[in-house]
Protein backbone atom coordinates (compact mmCIF):
# COMPACT_ATOMS: atom_id res chain seq x y z
CA MET A 1 17.84 -72.23 -106.49
CA PRO A 2 20.85 -71.51 -104.23
CA TYR A 3 19.11 -68.97 -101.99
CA PRO A 4 15.38 -69.74 -101.71
CA GLU A 5 13.13 -66.71 -101.63
CA PRO A 6 11.09 -66.56 -98.40
CA ARG A 7 7.49 -67.65 -98.71
CA THR A 8 4.68 -65.17 -98.25
CA PRO A 9 3.79 -64.54 -95.54
CA TYR A 10 6.92 -64.78 -93.40
CA PRO A 11 6.69 -66.57 -90.07
CA ALA A 12 4.51 -64.34 -87.94
CA ARG A 13 6.51 -61.95 -85.77
CA PRO A 14 6.05 -63.21 -82.22
CA ALA A 15 4.22 -61.02 -79.74
CA ARG A 16 7.20 -61.52 -77.45
CA GLY A 17 10.78 -62.58 -77.90
CA VAL A 18 11.70 -66.00 -79.22
CA VAL A 19 14.87 -67.97 -79.96
CA VAL A 20 14.93 -70.02 -83.15
CA LEU A 21 17.69 -72.61 -83.45
CA VAL A 22 18.38 -72.82 -87.16
CA GLY A 23 20.55 -75.46 -88.77
CA ALA A 24 22.69 -73.57 -91.29
CA GLY A 25 23.78 -76.74 -93.03
CA PRO A 26 27.33 -77.97 -93.52
CA GLY A 27 28.84 -74.92 -95.26
CA ASP A 28 27.35 -74.34 -98.70
CA PRO A 29 24.85 -71.53 -98.00
CA GLY A 30 22.43 -73.00 -100.53
CA LEU A 31 21.82 -75.97 -98.25
CA ILE A 32 19.92 -74.05 -95.58
CA THR A 33 16.21 -74.89 -95.46
CA VAL A 34 13.49 -72.56 -96.70
CA ARG A 35 12.18 -72.26 -93.14
CA GLY A 36 15.65 -71.32 -91.92
CA MET A 37 15.92 -68.59 -94.54
CA GLU A 38 12.53 -67.24 -93.53
CA TRP A 39 13.60 -66.82 -89.91
CA LEU A 40 16.96 -65.36 -90.94
CA ALA A 41 15.10 -62.68 -92.90
CA ARG A 42 13.03 -61.81 -89.80
CA ALA A 43 15.60 -61.94 -87.02
CA ASP A 44 16.50 -58.93 -84.87
CA VAL A 45 19.63 -60.74 -83.66
CA VAL A 46 21.67 -63.48 -85.37
CA VAL A 47 24.05 -65.46 -83.14
CA TYR A 48 26.27 -67.61 -85.33
CA ASP A 49 29.04 -70.21 -85.10
CA ARG A 50 32.53 -70.36 -86.62
CA LEU A 51 31.63 -72.77 -89.42
CA VAL A 52 28.65 -70.80 -90.74
CA ASP A 53 29.47 -69.45 -94.21
CA GLU A 54 29.71 -65.63 -94.34
CA ARG A 55 27.64 -65.60 -97.54
CA LEU A 56 24.75 -66.93 -95.49
CA ILE A 57 25.24 -64.40 -92.70
CA ALA A 58 25.11 -61.68 -95.38
CA ARG A 59 21.51 -62.76 -96.09
CA ALA A 60 20.37 -61.63 -92.65
CA ARG A 61 17.85 -58.81 -92.46
CA PRO A 62 19.47 -55.40 -92.98
CA GLY A 63 19.93 -53.83 -89.56
CA ALA A 64 19.99 -57.12 -87.67
CA GLU A 65 22.58 -57.40 -84.92
CA LEU A 66 25.18 -60.03 -85.88
CA ILE A 67 27.05 -61.76 -83.04
CA ASP A 68 29.94 -64.15 -83.70
CA VAL A 69 30.24 -66.73 -80.92
CA GLY A 70 32.39 -69.12 -82.91
CA LYS A 71 35.41 -70.75 -81.39
CA ALA A 72 38.16 -72.94 -82.74
CA PRO A 73 39.11 -76.18 -80.93
CA GLY A 74 40.86 -75.30 -77.69
CA ASP A 75 39.53 -71.74 -77.46
CA LYS A 76 38.46 -70.62 -74.00
CA LYS A 77 36.15 -67.81 -75.17
CA ASN A 78 32.41 -68.12 -75.82
CA ARG A 79 31.81 -71.03 -73.48
CA GLN A 80 28.41 -72.66 -73.70
CA PRO A 81 27.00 -71.11 -70.49
CA ASP A 82 27.93 -67.66 -71.82
CA ILE A 83 26.14 -68.35 -75.11
CA ASN A 84 23.08 -69.56 -73.22
CA GLU A 85 22.96 -66.35 -71.19
CA LEU A 86 23.40 -64.28 -74.35
CA LEU A 87 20.35 -65.90 -75.94
CA ILE A 88 18.30 -65.54 -72.77
CA GLY A 89 19.21 -61.86 -72.42
CA HIS A 90 18.15 -60.93 -75.95
CA VAL A 91 14.91 -62.88 -75.91
CA ARG A 92 13.93 -61.27 -72.59
CA GLU A 93 14.27 -57.92 -74.38
CA GLY A 94 11.50 -59.07 -76.71
CA LYS A 95 13.77 -59.75 -79.68
CA THR A 96 13.53 -62.44 -82.33
CA VAL A 97 16.84 -64.28 -82.05
CA VAL A 98 18.14 -66.72 -84.65
CA ARG A 99 20.78 -69.06 -83.27
CA LEU A 100 22.50 -70.05 -86.51
CA LYS A 101 24.39 -73.30 -86.02
CA GLY A 102 26.50 -75.27 -88.50
CA GLY A 103 24.97 -78.51 -89.72
CA ASP A 104 21.99 -79.60 -87.62
CA PRO A 105 21.48 -78.14 -84.13
CA PHE A 106 20.81 -81.55 -82.59
CA VAL A 107 23.65 -83.52 -84.26
CA PHE A 108 26.69 -82.84 -82.08
CA GLY A 109 25.70 -79.16 -82.18
CA ARG A 110 24.93 -78.69 -78.47
CA GLY A 111 21.51 -77.46 -79.52
CA GLY A 112 19.89 -79.56 -76.84
CA GLU A 113 21.88 -77.73 -74.15
CA GLU A 114 20.75 -74.35 -75.44
CA VAL A 115 17.12 -75.45 -75.61
CA LEU A 116 17.27 -76.81 -72.05
CA ALA A 117 18.58 -73.45 -70.86
CA LEU A 118 15.62 -71.73 -72.55
CA VAL A 119 13.18 -74.24 -71.07
CA GLU A 120 14.55 -73.67 -67.58
CA ALA A 121 14.23 -69.90 -68.11
CA GLY A 122 10.63 -70.34 -69.28
CA LEU A 123 11.32 -68.79 -72.69
CA PRO A 124 9.84 -69.74 -76.10
CA PHE A 125 11.88 -71.40 -78.83
CA GLU A 126 11.64 -73.19 -82.15
CA VAL A 127 14.04 -75.64 -83.79
CA VAL A 128 14.62 -75.65 -87.55
CA PRO A 129 16.60 -78.78 -88.48
CA GLY A 130 19.54 -78.49 -90.83
CA ILE A 131 21.47 -80.77 -93.16
CA THR A 132 24.20 -82.41 -91.14
CA SER A 133 27.75 -82.60 -92.45
CA ALA A 134 27.59 -86.33 -91.67
CA ILE A 135 25.65 -86.86 -94.90
CA ALA A 136 26.43 -83.68 -96.84
CA ALA A 137 30.24 -83.83 -96.78
CA PRO A 138 30.32 -87.43 -98.04
CA ALA A 139 27.74 -86.59 -100.72
CA TYR A 140 29.80 -83.63 -101.97
CA ALA A 141 32.82 -85.91 -102.10
CA GLY A 142 30.91 -88.43 -104.22
CA ILE A 143 30.42 -90.95 -101.39
CA PRO A 144 26.90 -92.21 -100.63
CA VAL A 145 26.74 -93.27 -96.99
CA THR A 146 24.46 -96.17 -97.98
CA HIS A 147 24.45 -98.17 -101.19
CA ARG A 148 22.53 -101.29 -102.08
CA GLY A 149 24.73 -104.33 -101.78
CA ILE A 150 27.52 -102.42 -100.04
CA SER A 151 26.16 -100.58 -96.99
CA THR A 152 22.77 -100.90 -95.32
CA SER A 153 23.44 -98.90 -92.15
CA VAL A 154 25.13 -95.69 -91.02
CA THR A 155 26.66 -94.98 -87.62
CA ILE A 156 27.45 -91.36 -86.77
CA VAL A 157 29.85 -90.79 -83.90
CA THR A 158 31.88 -87.96 -82.44
CA GLY A 159 35.61 -88.12 -82.91
CA SER A 160 36.43 -85.53 -80.30
CA GLU A 161 36.60 -88.27 -77.69
CA ALA A 162 39.87 -90.21 -77.64
CA PRO A 163 39.24 -94.01 -77.83
CA GLY A 164 41.93 -94.67 -75.20
CA LYS A 165 40.47 -92.54 -72.43
CA ASP A 166 39.06 -94.05 -69.27
CA ASP A 167 35.36 -94.97 -69.57
CA PRO A 168 34.90 -93.82 -73.22
CA SER A 169 31.36 -93.17 -74.46
CA VAL A 170 32.09 -94.53 -77.94
CA ASP A 171 32.34 -98.32 -78.23
CA TRP A 172 34.67 -98.64 -81.22
CA LYS A 173 33.93 -102.35 -81.52
CA ARG A 174 30.37 -101.48 -82.53
CA VAL A 175 31.02 -98.42 -84.70
CA LEU A 176 31.56 -100.16 -88.03
CA GLN A 177 28.87 -102.77 -88.58
CA PRO A 178 29.13 -105.51 -91.22
CA LYS A 179 27.94 -104.01 -94.53
CA GLY A 180 27.78 -100.64 -92.79
CA THR A 181 29.33 -97.18 -92.90
CA ALA A 182 30.80 -95.16 -90.04
CA VAL A 183 30.83 -91.37 -90.21
CA ILE A 184 33.05 -89.67 -87.66
CA LEU A 185 32.68 -85.95 -86.96
CA MET A 186 35.27 -83.69 -85.32
CA GLY A 187 37.88 -86.41 -85.42
CA TRP A 188 41.00 -84.83 -86.90
CA GLU A 189 42.79 -84.19 -83.61
CA ASN A 190 42.23 -87.78 -82.52
CA LEU A 191 42.56 -89.49 -85.90
CA LYS A 192 45.54 -91.59 -84.82
CA GLN A 193 43.67 -92.89 -81.79
CA ILE A 194 40.53 -93.46 -83.87
CA THR A 195 42.21 -95.52 -86.58
CA THR A 196 44.20 -97.41 -83.97
CA GLY A 197 41.05 -98.02 -81.93
CA LEU A 198 39.13 -99.32 -84.94
CA ILE A 199 41.96 -101.68 -85.93
CA ALA A 200 42.36 -102.88 -82.33
CA SER A 201 38.64 -103.62 -82.21
CA GLY A 202 38.94 -105.98 -85.16
CA THR A 203 38.42 -103.72 -88.19
CA PRO A 204 40.91 -104.75 -90.93
CA PRO A 205 43.71 -102.20 -91.48
CA GLU A 206 42.95 -102.19 -95.24
CA THR A 207 39.40 -100.91 -94.62
CA PRO A 208 38.79 -97.86 -96.88
CA ILE A 209 38.51 -94.43 -95.24
CA ALA A 210 38.03 -90.96 -96.73
CA LEU A 211 38.52 -87.57 -95.12
CA VAL A 212 36.56 -84.55 -96.35
CA TYR A 213 38.00 -81.19 -95.32
CA TRP A 214 35.65 -78.17 -95.35
CA GLY A 215 32.95 -80.28 -96.98
CA THR A 216 30.55 -78.54 -99.40
CA GLU A 217 32.71 -75.39 -99.58
CA PRO A 218 34.52 -74.30 -102.78
CA TYR A 219 37.84 -75.07 -101.07
CA GLN A 220 36.79 -78.60 -100.07
CA LYS A 221 39.50 -81.25 -100.13
CA ALA A 222 38.91 -84.99 -100.05
CA VAL A 223 41.48 -87.77 -99.73
CA SER A 224 41.08 -91.53 -99.57
CA GLY A 225 43.18 -94.32 -98.16
CA THR A 226 42.99 -97.10 -95.64
CA LEU A 227 42.96 -97.12 -91.87
CA ALA A 228 46.64 -98.01 -92.05
CA ASP A 229 47.83 -95.14 -94.26
CA ILE A 230 45.23 -92.35 -94.15
CA ILE A 231 47.15 -90.19 -91.67
CA GLU A 232 50.22 -90.09 -93.90
CA ILE A 233 48.08 -89.33 -96.98
CA ALA A 234 46.06 -86.60 -95.23
CA THR A 235 49.11 -84.91 -93.75
CA ALA A 236 50.79 -84.77 -97.17
CA ALA A 237 47.61 -83.21 -98.63
CA GLY A 238 47.46 -80.47 -95.97
CA ILE A 239 44.24 -81.71 -94.37
CA SER A 240 43.27 -80.16 -91.05
CA ASN A 241 40.12 -79.22 -89.13
CA PRO A 242 37.23 -79.32 -89.89
CA VAL A 243 37.09 -82.88 -91.20
CA VAL A 244 34.43 -85.52 -91.70
CA ALA A 245 35.75 -89.10 -91.85
CA ILE A 246 33.89 -91.87 -93.71
CA VAL A 247 34.86 -95.48 -93.06
CA GLY A 248 33.60 -98.41 -95.12
CA GLU A 249 33.42 -99.92 -98.59
CA VAL A 250 31.28 -97.02 -99.92
CA VAL A 251 34.49 -94.94 -100.02
CA LYS A 252 35.52 -96.88 -103.13
CA LEU A 253 32.61 -95.30 -105.06
CA ARG A 254 34.17 -91.82 -104.87
CA GLU A 255 36.20 -91.97 -108.06
CA ARG A 256 33.12 -92.90 -110.08
CA LEU A 257 30.60 -90.63 -108.33
CA ARG A 258 32.57 -87.48 -107.55
CA TRP A 259 30.85 -84.40 -108.97
CA PHE A 260 31.51 -81.36 -106.79
CA ASP A 261 35.27 -81.04 -106.88
CA ASN A 262 35.77 -81.72 -110.59
CA ARG A 263 33.75 -78.78 -111.95
CA PRO A 264 35.54 -76.29 -114.25
CA LEU A 265 35.99 -73.49 -111.71
CA PHE A 266 36.35 -75.59 -108.57
CA GLY A 267 38.48 -73.86 -105.96
CA LYS A 268 39.02 -70.69 -108.01
CA ARG A 269 38.83 -67.49 -105.94
CA VAL A 270 36.86 -65.01 -108.01
CA LEU A 271 36.51 -61.35 -107.01
CA VAL A 272 32.99 -60.02 -107.62
CA THR A 273 32.86 -56.23 -107.85
CA ARG A 274 29.15 -55.61 -108.44
CA THR A 275 26.86 -53.72 -106.07
CA ARG A 276 25.71 -55.61 -102.95
CA SER A 277 22.19 -56.00 -104.34
CA GLN A 278 23.42 -57.36 -107.67
CA ALA A 279 26.43 -59.41 -106.57
CA SER A 280 24.42 -62.47 -105.52
CA VAL A 281 23.36 -63.30 -109.10
CA LEU A 282 26.96 -63.43 -110.32
CA SER A 283 28.10 -65.19 -107.15
CA ASP A 284 25.41 -67.86 -107.50
CA LEU A 285 26.37 -68.61 -111.10
CA LEU A 286 30.05 -68.80 -110.19
CA SER A 287 29.30 -71.10 -107.25
CA ARG A 288 27.43 -73.50 -109.53
CA GLU A 289 30.62 -73.83 -111.56
CA GLY A 290 32.61 -74.59 -108.40
CA ALA A 291 34.19 -71.18 -107.82
CA GLN A 292 34.60 -69.38 -104.51
CA PRO A 293 33.09 -65.94 -105.09
CA ILE A 294 34.61 -63.12 -103.03
CA GLU A 295 32.11 -60.26 -102.94
CA ILE A 296 33.75 -56.83 -102.69
CA PRO A 297 31.22 -54.33 -104.02
CA THR A 298 33.11 -51.39 -105.51
CA ILE A 299 29.88 -49.58 -106.37
CA GLU A 300 26.97 -48.48 -104.25
CA ILE A 301 23.88 -47.09 -105.95
CA GLN A 302 22.86 -43.81 -104.36
CA PRO A 303 19.64 -42.16 -105.58
CA VAL A 304 19.74 -38.40 -106.11
CA GLU A 305 18.91 -36.35 -103.03
CA ASP A 306 16.24 -34.25 -104.75
CA PHE A 307 13.64 -36.03 -106.88
CA CYS A 308 11.80 -32.87 -107.97
CA GLU A 309 13.12 -32.98 -111.54
CA VAL A 310 12.71 -36.76 -111.76
CA ASP A 311 9.13 -36.69 -110.48
CA GLY A 312 8.31 -33.80 -112.79
CA GLU A 313 9.44 -35.71 -115.86
CA LEU A 314 7.69 -38.88 -114.73
CA ALA A 315 4.46 -36.92 -114.33
CA GLY A 316 4.62 -36.22 -118.06
CA LEU A 317 5.68 -39.70 -119.20
CA ALA A 318 2.77 -40.05 -121.61
CA GLY A 319 4.08 -37.04 -123.53
CA TYR A 320 7.25 -38.87 -124.59
CA ASN A 321 7.57 -41.11 -127.63
CA TRP A 322 10.34 -43.23 -126.07
CA VAL A 323 11.84 -43.91 -122.65
CA VAL A 324 15.34 -45.43 -122.74
CA PHE A 325 16.61 -47.66 -119.90
CA THR A 326 20.27 -48.66 -119.78
CA SER A 327 20.38 -50.44 -116.40
CA VAL A 328 18.31 -52.36 -113.91
CA ASN A 329 19.16 -49.66 -111.35
CA ALA A 330 17.44 -47.00 -113.46
CA ILE A 331 14.38 -49.21 -113.87
CA ASP A 332 14.12 -49.88 -110.14
CA ILE A 333 14.39 -46.21 -109.17
CA VAL A 334 11.90 -45.04 -111.80
CA PHE A 335 9.33 -47.55 -110.62
CA GLU A 336 10.01 -46.63 -106.98
CA ARG A 337 9.21 -43.00 -107.82
CA LEU A 338 6.09 -44.01 -109.73
CA SER A 339 4.94 -46.07 -106.75
CA ALA A 340 5.65 -43.16 -104.40
CA GLY A 341 3.22 -41.13 -106.49
CA GLY A 342 0.56 -43.85 -106.46
CA ARG A 343 1.16 -44.90 -110.08
CA ASP A 344 2.35 -48.00 -111.91
CA ALA A 345 3.32 -49.14 -115.42
CA ARG A 346 0.19 -47.54 -116.89
CA ALA A 347 1.85 -44.14 -116.39
CA PHE A 348 3.94 -44.75 -119.53
CA GLY A 349 0.79 -44.46 -121.65
CA PRO A 350 1.63 -44.55 -125.37
CA ALA A 351 5.37 -44.09 -124.81
CA LYS A 352 7.51 -46.91 -126.15
CA ILE A 353 10.25 -48.47 -124.05
CA ALA A 354 13.83 -49.26 -125.10
CA ALA A 355 16.28 -51.34 -123.07
CA ILE A 356 19.92 -52.32 -123.25
CA GLY A 357 20.51 -56.05 -122.98
CA SER A 358 18.50 -58.96 -121.66
CA SER A 359 18.95 -58.05 -117.98
CA SER A 360 17.17 -54.72 -118.39
CA ALA A 361 14.51 -56.33 -120.57
CA ASP A 362 13.89 -58.99 -117.91
CA ALA A 363 13.66 -56.33 -115.18
CA LEU A 364 11.05 -54.45 -117.23
CA ARG A 365 9.09 -57.63 -117.83
CA ALA A 366 9.00 -58.19 -114.06
CA LYS A 367 7.36 -54.75 -113.79
CA GLY A 368 4.72 -55.65 -116.36
CA ILE A 369 6.33 -54.07 -119.42
CA VAL A 370 7.57 -55.79 -122.58
CA ALA A 371 10.23 -53.56 -124.12
CA ASP A 372 9.52 -52.33 -127.64
CA ALA A 373 13.22 -52.30 -128.50
CA VAL A 374 16.04 -54.34 -126.96
CA ALA A 375 19.62 -53.88 -128.13
CA ASP A 376 21.35 -57.22 -128.63
CA ASP A 377 24.63 -55.34 -128.15
CA ALA A 378 24.39 -54.50 -124.46
CA ALA A 379 26.25 -51.21 -124.79
CA SER A 380 25.27 -47.59 -125.42
CA GLU A 381 26.23 -47.86 -129.07
CA GLY A 382 23.90 -50.83 -129.44
CA ILE A 383 20.75 -49.05 -128.29
CA VAL A 384 21.56 -46.01 -130.42
CA GLY A 385 21.91 -48.19 -133.51
CA THR A 386 18.69 -50.09 -132.71
CA LEU A 387 16.60 -46.92 -132.29
CA VAL A 388 18.11 -45.13 -135.29
CA ALA A 389 17.27 -48.14 -137.45
CA MET A 390 13.64 -47.91 -136.26
CA GLY A 391 13.42 -44.23 -137.27
CA ILE A 392 13.38 -41.69 -134.45
CA ALA A 393 13.69 -38.37 -136.25
CA GLY A 394 11.48 -35.88 -134.41
CA ALA A 395 10.86 -38.26 -131.50
CA LYS A 396 10.76 -36.97 -127.92
CA ILE A 397 12.89 -39.25 -125.72
CA LEU A 398 13.31 -39.46 -121.93
CA PHE A 399 16.63 -40.89 -120.77
CA PRO A 400 16.87 -41.54 -116.97
CA ARG A 401 20.55 -42.16 -116.31
CA ALA A 402 23.40 -42.30 -113.81
CA GLU A 403 25.49 -39.29 -112.96
CA LYS A 404 28.75 -39.14 -114.96
CA SER A 405 27.63 -41.83 -117.40
CA ARG A 406 28.83 -41.73 -120.98
CA ASP A 407 26.98 -39.30 -123.27
CA ILE A 408 26.99 -41.60 -126.30
CA ILE A 409 23.23 -42.22 -126.16
CA SER A 410 22.22 -38.56 -125.97
CA ARG A 411 24.66 -37.49 -128.69
CA GLY A 412 23.78 -40.38 -130.97
CA LEU A 413 20.02 -39.96 -130.70
CA THR A 414 20.21 -36.18 -131.01
CA SER A 415 22.32 -36.53 -134.15
CA ALA A 416 19.57 -38.76 -135.59
CA GLY A 417 17.03 -35.97 -135.13
CA ALA A 418 15.50 -36.88 -131.76
CA SER A 419 14.89 -34.55 -128.83
CA VAL A 420 16.49 -36.12 -125.76
CA LYS A 421 15.72 -35.15 -122.18
CA GLU A 422 18.34 -36.50 -119.76
CA VAL A 423 17.46 -36.77 -116.07
CA VAL A 424 19.99 -37.97 -113.48
CA ILE A 425 18.31 -40.38 -111.05
CA TYR A 426 21.27 -42.02 -109.28
CA ARG A 427 25.00 -41.94 -108.85
CA ASN A 428 27.60 -44.67 -108.44
CA VAL A 429 29.60 -44.16 -105.23
CA ARG A 430 32.23 -46.22 -103.47
CA PRO A 431 31.03 -48.22 -100.41
CA ALA A 432 32.58 -46.99 -97.16
CA ASP A 433 33.96 -50.40 -96.15
CA ALA A 434 35.21 -51.44 -99.59
CA ALA A 435 38.93 -50.77 -99.00
CA GLU A 436 39.04 -52.82 -95.79
CA ARG A 437 37.14 -55.72 -97.40
CA LEU A 438 39.42 -55.65 -100.45
CA ASN A 439 42.55 -55.81 -98.31
CA ARG A 440 41.21 -58.89 -96.52
CA ALA A 441 40.29 -60.51 -99.82
CA MET A 442 43.81 -60.04 -101.18
CA GLU A 443 45.41 -61.83 -98.23
CA ALA A 444 45.12 -64.99 -100.35
CA PRO A 445 45.80 -65.06 -104.11
CA LEU A 446 42.91 -64.24 -106.42
CA ASP A 447 42.41 -66.33 -109.55
CA VAL A 448 39.97 -64.05 -111.39
CA VAL A 449 38.74 -60.47 -111.01
CA THR A 450 35.37 -59.73 -112.64
CA PHE A 451 34.03 -56.40 -113.87
CA ALA A 452 30.42 -55.85 -114.94
CA SER A 453 30.73 -52.11 -115.68
CA SER A 454 33.30 -49.43 -116.41
CA SER A 455 32.56 -47.72 -113.09
CA SER A 456 33.38 -50.92 -111.18
CA VAL A 457 36.81 -50.90 -112.86
CA ARG A 458 37.48 -47.28 -111.96
CA ASN A 459 36.37 -47.75 -108.38
CA LEU A 460 38.52 -50.84 -107.85
CA VAL A 461 41.61 -49.07 -109.21
CA ASP A 462 40.82 -46.14 -106.89
CA LEU A 463 40.60 -48.55 -103.94
CA LEU A 464 44.06 -49.81 -104.88
CA GLY A 465 45.40 -46.27 -104.86
CA GLY A 466 46.14 -46.66 -108.54
CA ASP A 467 48.57 -49.52 -107.86
CA ILE A 468 47.08 -52.44 -109.77
CA THR A 469 50.07 -54.63 -108.91
CA LYS A 470 48.52 -55.12 -105.46
CA LEU A 471 46.03 -57.49 -107.06
CA GLY A 472 48.80 -59.94 -107.88
CA ALA A 473 48.36 -61.71 -111.19
CA PRO A 474 44.72 -62.80 -111.48
CA LEU A 475 42.89 -63.16 -114.76
CA VAL A 476 40.72 -60.13 -115.56
CA ALA A 477 37.25 -60.91 -116.90
CA CYS A 478 34.96 -58.17 -118.28
CA ILE A 479 31.29 -58.37 -119.16
CA GLY A 480 31.81 -56.78 -122.58
CA PRO A 481 34.09 -54.71 -124.83
CA VAL A 482 33.22 -51.32 -123.32
CA THR A 483 34.13 -52.49 -119.82
CA ALA A 484 37.22 -54.21 -121.22
CA ALA A 485 38.32 -50.96 -122.89
CA ALA A 486 37.95 -49.10 -119.59
CA ALA A 487 40.06 -51.78 -117.85
CA ARG A 488 42.81 -51.53 -120.47
CA ASP A 489 42.80 -47.74 -120.25
CA LEU A 490 43.55 -48.08 -116.54
CA GLY A 491 46.47 -50.43 -117.15
CA LEU A 492 44.83 -53.82 -116.59
CA ARG A 493 45.48 -56.76 -118.87
CA VAL A 494 42.12 -58.16 -119.95
CA ASP A 495 42.07 -61.95 -120.39
CA ILE A 496 38.37 -62.77 -120.75
CA VAL A 497 35.51 -60.82 -122.39
CA GLY A 498 31.89 -61.97 -122.38
CA LYS A 499 30.26 -62.42 -125.77
CA ASP A 500 26.65 -61.40 -125.09
CA GLN A 501 27.41 -58.83 -122.37
CA THR A 502 25.25 -60.44 -119.68
CA ILE A 503 26.19 -61.86 -116.28
CA ARG A 504 25.54 -65.38 -117.51
CA GLY A 505 27.64 -64.65 -120.58
CA LEU A 506 30.48 -63.46 -118.36
CA VAL A 507 30.41 -66.69 -116.34
CA ASP A 508 30.21 -68.77 -119.51
CA ALA A 509 33.32 -67.01 -120.84
CA ILE A 510 35.23 -67.63 -117.60
CA ARG A 511 34.25 -71.29 -117.59
CA GLN A 512 35.23 -71.70 -121.25
CA HIS A 513 38.63 -70.13 -120.57
CA PHE A 514 39.43 -72.69 -117.87
CA VAL A 515 37.99 -75.61 -119.85
CA GLU A 516 40.23 -74.73 -122.80
CA ALA A 517 43.24 -74.22 -120.55
CA GLU A 518 42.71 -77.65 -118.98
CA ALA A 519 42.34 -79.25 -122.40
CA ALA A 520 45.59 -77.62 -123.52
CA ARG A 521 47.42 -78.94 -120.44
CA ASN A 522 46.16 -82.44 -121.10
CA GLY A 523 47.32 -82.30 -124.71
């Protein structure tokens, strides 16, 4: 599970402030520990580094103060003493502070320095270890740092120290042991001195070495060579910081064991236009296929301001023959209103429940209700056909819906002899920061743009000021034919359409498109 759900209960909220050093892992947000996620969900303040993935920062508690103290090599801002004082200041205000650090806080992460500052100030702290890039980046490149018969030891060293300096801390003669592996972190700037130092210390120039750039991220690059030629190979491949270097015979296993960077969607930048609360499901599925999801919610669900009509209809739920749900949003809001009135699923009484698609059916099941009718065709026409086939003449039907949604359901059911009561419970609005986020996303070419609803298409085109050429030339993928029709009506060329009109079906269709394209290229 890419983003573990916090256990119950959460870590107890401290009676006074506390700093928790949390290892965020090497990049992939799914590699944070369960304990780390628990603290992230509780923090008042999150102080994070440059290499922490923004998808992980987005999982912080709503309302938490987010402070970026990251710095690139050579930067003069955010010096360590300043970061120490920042942590001390917030914890003295009684806040729960998560210090989110890339990799593991105590593996070249200067976590020890921050803890010592807290100790000297007499302030409480906790350390949550993280997965270090020293083992994760090689693993994602298909390189085990140990392997029976090849490597029985691992040496992890910093590469930010030039081997030729006076009184070096790293003894390069001891770095690569016989039948061992050396992992060098932060070594790109000094790679020439490192390879030269290793060779000068007696390591054969033909010793295998691999460099992993942005390890565990969807834009990871990995190159292999020898100590003698790796700089030329890496430069030609566009390798830069951040890099993990692996030296030793285990590097030769990469071509047989690589798994991360040969997945169907690896490296593809995919725009996700769902609501913030729903985007993570699509993003997680895309990430598993190797894609880089770019979340730009074009829709924000806004409940109606006045629930008088809604609550009135819900008070008489048992008087309806059917209640029709066409979205998870409608289900969530209805159950929130029931809960506000001290009721639960029993309020439906004898009324039967209809749902569009498997997502809505699953959401109902999570609330304790098994839908009586589920349209296989996850569109308005599908649920109308399903109910008409069951015989609804004379039935009294409640239809909680979004503002400005299509009227196909009401017209279709009314034409079949039912009495339909529509009640608007939410509206789809455009998030305030969507335009700015979209502009940043388009600074690099997009490979795919996904749409899970007609409203997400309309809102994205609105954000573009009607000029769809600003998107460039990405593939357009739609969850189903209704959404695809809306996209075409607005001038978009639709390349991919999901078959079963679910999020998983959408991802399957995108993957299949690229698999077939690759097969065609390879003849």
